[in-house]
């Protein structure tokens, strides 16, 4: 037995989302198409109609896939912190 029981629940959580990732990717991409000027994870999630955590975790994956990039500017989000603006790769 592992001395890190969270690892199995973390793996279970990851495996449970695998089949839904493409749906989230499509929602995020569609939201960015509608936003046109790019958006923070918070702005994208709101436009996509998904939870922030669902969006925030998928953005790095879309960057790795070459679909989204960091614009290089930030905007203030609802918590008052600066958040990176992302945009679709043309």
N, C-alpha and C. Protein backbone atom coordinates (compact mmCIF):
# COMPACT_ATOMS: atom_id res chain seq x y z
N UNK A 1 0.83 -1.18 0.00
CA UNK A 1 0.00 0.00 0.00
C UNK A 1 0.88 1.25 0.00
N UNK A 2 0.49 2.20 -0.79
CA UNK A 2 1.26 3.44 -0.91
C UNK A 2 1.07 4.29 0.34
N UNK A 3 2.13 4.99 0.71
CA UNK A 3 2.00 5.92 1.82
C UNK A 3 1.41 7.24 1.35
N UNK A 4 1.02 7.29 0.08
CA UNK A 4 0.40 8.49 -0.48
C UNK A 4 -0.96 8.11 -1.08
N UNK A 5 -1.98 7.96 -0.24
CA UNK A 5 -3.29 7.51 -0.73
C UNK A 5 -3.93 8.49 -1.71
N UNK A 6 -3.54 9.75 -1.66
CA UNK A 6 -4.11 10.72 -2.59
C UNK A 6 -3.76 10.39 -4.02
N UNK A 7 -2.65 9.68 -4.23
CA UNK A 7 -2.21 9.37 -5.58
C UNK A 7 -3.27 8.53 -6.31
N UNK A 8 -3.87 7.55 -5.65
CA UNK A 8 -4.88 6.72 -6.32
C UNK A 8 -6.14 7.52 -6.61
N UNK A 9 -6.55 8.39 -5.71
CA UNK A 9 -7.74 9.20 -5.98
C UNK A 9 -7.44 10.22 -7.06
N UNK A 10 -6.23 10.74 -7.09
CA UNK A 10 -5.84 11.66 -8.14
C UNK A 10 -5.87 10.97 -9.50
N UNK A 11 -5.35 9.76 -9.56
CA UNK A 11 -5.38 8.99 -10.81
C UNK A 11 -6.81 8.69 -11.22
N UNK A 12 -7.66 8.35 -10.27
CA UNK A 12 -9.06 8.08 -10.58
C UNK A 12 -9.73 9.33 -11.14
N UNK A 13 -9.46 10.46 -10.55
CA UNK A 13 -10.04 11.71 -11.03
C UNK A 13 -9.57 12.01 -12.44
N UNK A 14 -8.28 11.82 -12.68
CA UNK A 14 -7.74 12.07 -14.02
C UNK A 14 -8.38 11.14 -15.04
N UNK A 15 -8.48 9.87 -14.70
CA UNK A 15 -9.06 8.90 -15.63
C UNK A 15 -10.54 9.18 -15.90
N UNK A 16 -11.24 9.71 -14.91
CA UNK A 16 -12.67 9.99 -15.10
C UNK A 16 -12.90 11.16 -16.05
N UNK A 17 -11.94 12.05 -16.19
CA UNK A 17 -12.09 13.22 -17.05
C UNK A 17 -11.61 12.96 -18.48
N UNK A 18 -10.79 11.93 -18.68
CA UNK A 18 -10.17 11.68 -19.98
C UNK A 18 -11.17 11.71 -21.13
N UNK A 19 -12.29 11.02 -20.97
CA UNK A 19 -13.25 10.93 -22.06
C UNK A 19 -13.97 12.24 -22.32
N UNK A 20 -13.89 13.18 -21.40
CA UNK A 20 -14.59 14.46 -21.56
C UNK A 20 -13.67 15.59 -22.03
N UNK A 21 -12.38 15.35 -22.09
CA UNK A 21 -11.43 16.40 -22.43
C UNK A 21 -11.75 17.03 -23.78
N UNK A 22 -12.04 16.23 -24.78
CA UNK A 22 -12.32 16.76 -26.12
C UNK A 22 -13.51 17.71 -26.10
N UNK A 23 -14.51 17.39 -25.29
CA UNK A 23 -15.68 18.27 -25.17
C UNK A 23 -15.25 19.61 -24.59
N UNK A 24 -14.42 19.58 -23.55
CA UNK A 24 -13.93 20.82 -22.97
C UNK A 24 -13.06 21.59 -23.95
N UNK A 25 -12.20 20.89 -24.69
CA UNK A 25 -11.38 21.55 -25.70
C UNK A 25 -12.26 22.29 -26.70
N UNK A 26 -13.29 21.60 -27.20
CA UNK A 26 -14.20 22.23 -28.18
C UNK A 26 -14.90 23.45 -27.60
N UNK A 27 -15.34 23.36 -26.36
CA UNK A 27 -16.02 24.50 -25.72
C UNK A 27 -15.07 25.68 -25.55
N UNK A 28 -13.84 25.40 -25.17
CA UNK A 28 -12.85 26.46 -24.97
C UNK A 28 -12.51 27.12 -26.31
N UNK A 29 -12.29 26.32 -27.32
CA UNK A 29 -11.96 26.86 -28.64
C UNK A 29 -13.12 27.70 -29.18
N UNK A 30 -14.34 27.20 -29.04
CA UNK A 30 -15.51 27.97 -29.49
C UNK A 30 -15.63 29.29 -28.74
N UNK A 31 -15.37 29.24 -27.44
CA UNK A 31 -15.44 30.47 -26.63
C UNK A 31 -14.39 31.48 -27.11
N UNK A 32 -13.18 31.02 -27.37
CA UNK A 32 -12.13 31.92 -27.84
C UNK A 32 -12.46 32.48 -29.22
N UNK A 33 -13.13 31.71 -30.05
CA UNK A 33 -13.56 32.22 -31.36
C UNK A 33 -14.57 33.35 -31.18
N UNK A 34 -15.47 33.20 -30.21
CA UNK A 34 -16.47 34.25 -29.95
C UNK A 34 -15.86 35.48 -29.29
N UNK A 35 -14.90 35.26 -28.38
CA UNK A 35 -14.27 36.38 -27.68
C UNK A 35 -13.44 37.23 -28.64
N UNK A 36 -12.79 36.61 -29.59
CA UNK A 36 -11.99 37.25 -30.64
C UNK A 36 -10.73 37.95 -30.16
N UNK A 37 -10.74 38.63 -29.02
CA UNK A 37 -9.58 39.39 -28.55
C UNK A 37 -8.74 38.60 -27.55
N UNK A 38 -9.07 37.33 -27.35
CA UNK A 38 -8.38 36.54 -26.35
C UNK A 38 -9.00 36.72 -24.99
N UNK A 39 -8.69 35.83 -24.08
CA UNK A 39 -9.29 35.92 -22.77
C UNK A 39 -8.47 35.21 -21.72
N UNK A 40 -8.76 35.56 -20.48
CA UNK A 40 -8.17 34.85 -19.34
C UNK A 40 -8.94 33.55 -19.17
N UNK A 41 -8.42 32.65 -18.38
CA UNK A 41 -9.14 31.40 -18.12
C UNK A 41 -10.53 31.67 -17.55
N UNK A 42 -10.63 32.67 -16.71
CA UNK A 42 -11.91 33.03 -16.11
C UNK A 42 -12.89 33.53 -17.18
N UNK A 43 -12.42 34.39 -18.07
CA UNK A 43 -13.26 34.92 -19.14
C UNK A 43 -13.67 33.81 -20.12
N UNK A 44 -12.73 32.94 -20.43
CA UNK A 44 -13.01 31.85 -21.36
C UNK A 44 -14.04 30.89 -20.76
N UNK A 45 -13.86 30.54 -19.48
CA UNK A 45 -14.80 29.64 -18.81
C UNK A 45 -16.21 30.22 -18.81
N UNK A 46 -16.32 31.49 -18.52
CA UNK A 46 -17.64 32.14 -18.49
C UNK A 46 -18.28 32.08 -19.88
N UNK A 47 -17.53 32.41 -20.90
CA UNK A 47 -18.05 32.39 -22.27
C UNK A 47 -18.40 30.97 -22.71
N UNK A 48 -17.61 29.99 -22.26
CA UNK A 48 -17.82 28.59 -22.65
C UNK A 48 -18.94 27.91 -21.87
N UNK A 49 -19.32 28.52 -20.74
CA UNK A 49 -20.36 27.92 -19.90
C UNK A 49 -19.86 26.72 -19.12
N UNK A 50 -18.57 26.76 -18.75
CA UNK A 50 -17.99 25.68 -17.95
C UNK A 50 -17.37 26.28 -16.69
N UNK A 51 -17.02 25.41 -15.76
CA UNK A 51 -16.40 25.86 -14.52
C UNK A 51 -14.97 26.34 -14.80
N UNK A 52 -14.52 27.29 -13.99
CA UNK A 52 -13.16 27.81 -14.13
C UNK A 52 -12.13 26.69 -14.09
N UNK A 53 -12.26 25.77 -13.12
CA UNK A 53 -11.28 24.69 -12.97
C UNK A 53 -11.23 23.80 -14.20
N UNK A 54 -12.38 23.58 -14.83
CA UNK A 54 -12.41 22.76 -16.04
C UNK A 54 -11.65 23.45 -17.17
N UNK A 55 -11.76 24.75 -17.24
CA UNK A 55 -11.09 25.52 -18.28
C UNK A 55 -9.60 25.67 -17.96
N UNK A 56 -9.30 26.09 -16.76
CA UNK A 56 -7.92 26.37 -16.34
C UNK A 56 -7.01 25.17 -16.53
N UNK A 57 -7.52 23.98 -16.27
CA UNK A 57 -6.70 22.77 -16.40
C UNK A 57 -6.51 22.35 -17.85
N UNK A 58 -7.40 22.74 -18.71
CA UNK A 58 -7.32 22.34 -20.12
C UNK A 58 -6.48 23.31 -20.96
N UNK A 59 -6.33 24.56 -20.52
CA UNK A 59 -5.58 25.55 -21.30
C UNK A 59 -4.14 25.11 -21.57
N UNK A 60 -3.37 24.67 -20.56
CA UNK A 60 -1.99 24.22 -20.85
C UNK A 60 -1.95 23.07 -21.86
N UNK A 61 -2.96 22.20 -21.81
CA UNK A 61 -3.02 21.09 -22.75
C UNK A 61 -3.24 21.61 -24.16
N UNK A 62 -4.10 22.62 -24.31
CA UNK A 62 -4.34 23.21 -25.63
C UNK A 62 -3.11 23.98 -26.12
N UNK A 63 -2.35 24.55 -25.21
CA UNK A 63 -1.10 25.21 -25.59
C UNK A 63 -0.12 24.16 -26.13
N UNK A 64 0.01 23.05 -25.42
CA UNK A 64 0.89 21.96 -25.85
C UNK A 64 0.47 21.42 -27.21
N UNK A 65 -0.84 21.36 -27.46
CA UNK A 65 -1.35 20.86 -28.74
C UNK A 65 -1.19 21.88 -29.87
N UNK A 66 -0.76 23.11 -29.52
CA UNK A 66 -0.55 24.12 -30.54
C UNK A 66 -1.83 24.82 -30.99
N UNK A 67 -2.88 24.74 -30.18
CA UNK A 67 -4.17 25.35 -30.52
C UNK A 67 -4.35 26.74 -29.91
N UNK A 68 -3.68 26.97 -28.78
CA UNK A 68 -3.82 28.21 -28.01
C UNK A 68 -2.43 28.69 -27.63
N UNK A 69 -2.28 30.00 -27.49
CA UNK A 69 -0.99 30.55 -27.04
C UNK A 69 -1.22 31.68 -26.04
N UNK A 70 -0.19 31.92 -25.24
CA UNK A 70 -0.21 33.04 -24.31
C UNK A 70 0.13 34.30 -25.09
N UNK A 71 -0.72 35.30 -25.00
CA UNK A 71 -0.55 36.53 -25.76
C UNK A 71 0.64 37.34 -25.26
N UNK A 72 0.92 37.24 -23.97
CA UNK A 72 2.04 37.99 -23.40
C UNK A 72 1.57 39.20 -22.60
N UNK A 73 0.26 39.33 -22.46
CA UNK A 73 -0.30 40.40 -21.62
C UNK A 73 -1.19 39.77 -20.57
N UNK A 74 -1.49 40.55 -19.54
CA UNK A 74 -2.37 40.07 -18.48
C UNK A 74 -3.55 41.02 -18.33
N UNK A 75 -4.60 40.49 -17.72
CA UNK A 75 -5.75 41.29 -17.31
C UNK A 75 -6.06 40.93 -15.87
N UNK A 76 -6.66 41.84 -15.18
CA UNK A 76 -7.05 41.59 -13.80
C UNK A 76 -8.31 40.74 -13.80
N UNK A 77 -8.30 39.67 -13.00
CA UNK A 77 -9.49 38.82 -12.91
C UNK A 77 -10.34 39.25 -11.71
N UNK A 78 -11.40 38.49 -11.43
CA UNK A 78 -12.34 38.89 -10.38
C UNK A 78 -11.73 38.92 -8.99
N UNK A 79 -10.64 38.20 -8.77
CA UNK A 79 -9.99 38.21 -7.45
C UNK A 79 -9.00 39.37 -7.32
N UNK A 80 -8.81 40.11 -8.41
CA UNK A 80 -7.88 41.23 -8.38
C UNK A 80 -6.47 40.87 -8.81
N UNK A 81 -6.25 39.60 -9.09
CA UNK A 81 -4.92 39.17 -9.53
C UNK A 81 -4.81 39.27 -11.04
N UNK A 82 -3.56 39.37 -11.49
CA UNK A 82 -3.32 39.41 -12.92
C UNK A 82 -3.38 37.99 -13.48
N UNK A 83 -4.03 37.86 -14.63
CA UNK A 83 -4.17 36.56 -15.28
C UNK A 83 -3.72 36.66 -16.73
N UNK A 84 -3.04 35.64 -17.20
CA UNK A 84 -2.52 35.60 -18.56
C UNK A 84 -3.68 35.55 -19.55
N UNK A 85 -3.54 36.31 -20.65
CA UNK A 85 -4.53 36.29 -21.73
C UNK A 85 -4.08 35.27 -22.75
N UNK A 86 -5.03 34.43 -23.19
CA UNK A 86 -4.76 33.40 -24.18
C UNK A 86 -5.56 33.68 -25.44
N UNK A 87 -5.05 33.20 -26.57
CA UNK A 87 -5.71 33.42 -27.85
C UNK A 87 -5.55 32.17 -28.69
N UNK A 88 -6.42 32.01 -29.66
CA UNK A 88 -6.31 30.88 -30.58
C UNK A 88 -5.15 31.08 -31.54
N UNK A 89 -4.48 30.00 -31.87
CA UNK A 89 -3.46 30.05 -32.90
C UNK A 89 -4.19 30.16 -34.23
N UNK A 90 -3.73 31.05 -35.09
CA UNK A 90 -4.41 31.26 -36.37
C UNK A 90 -4.19 30.10 -37.30
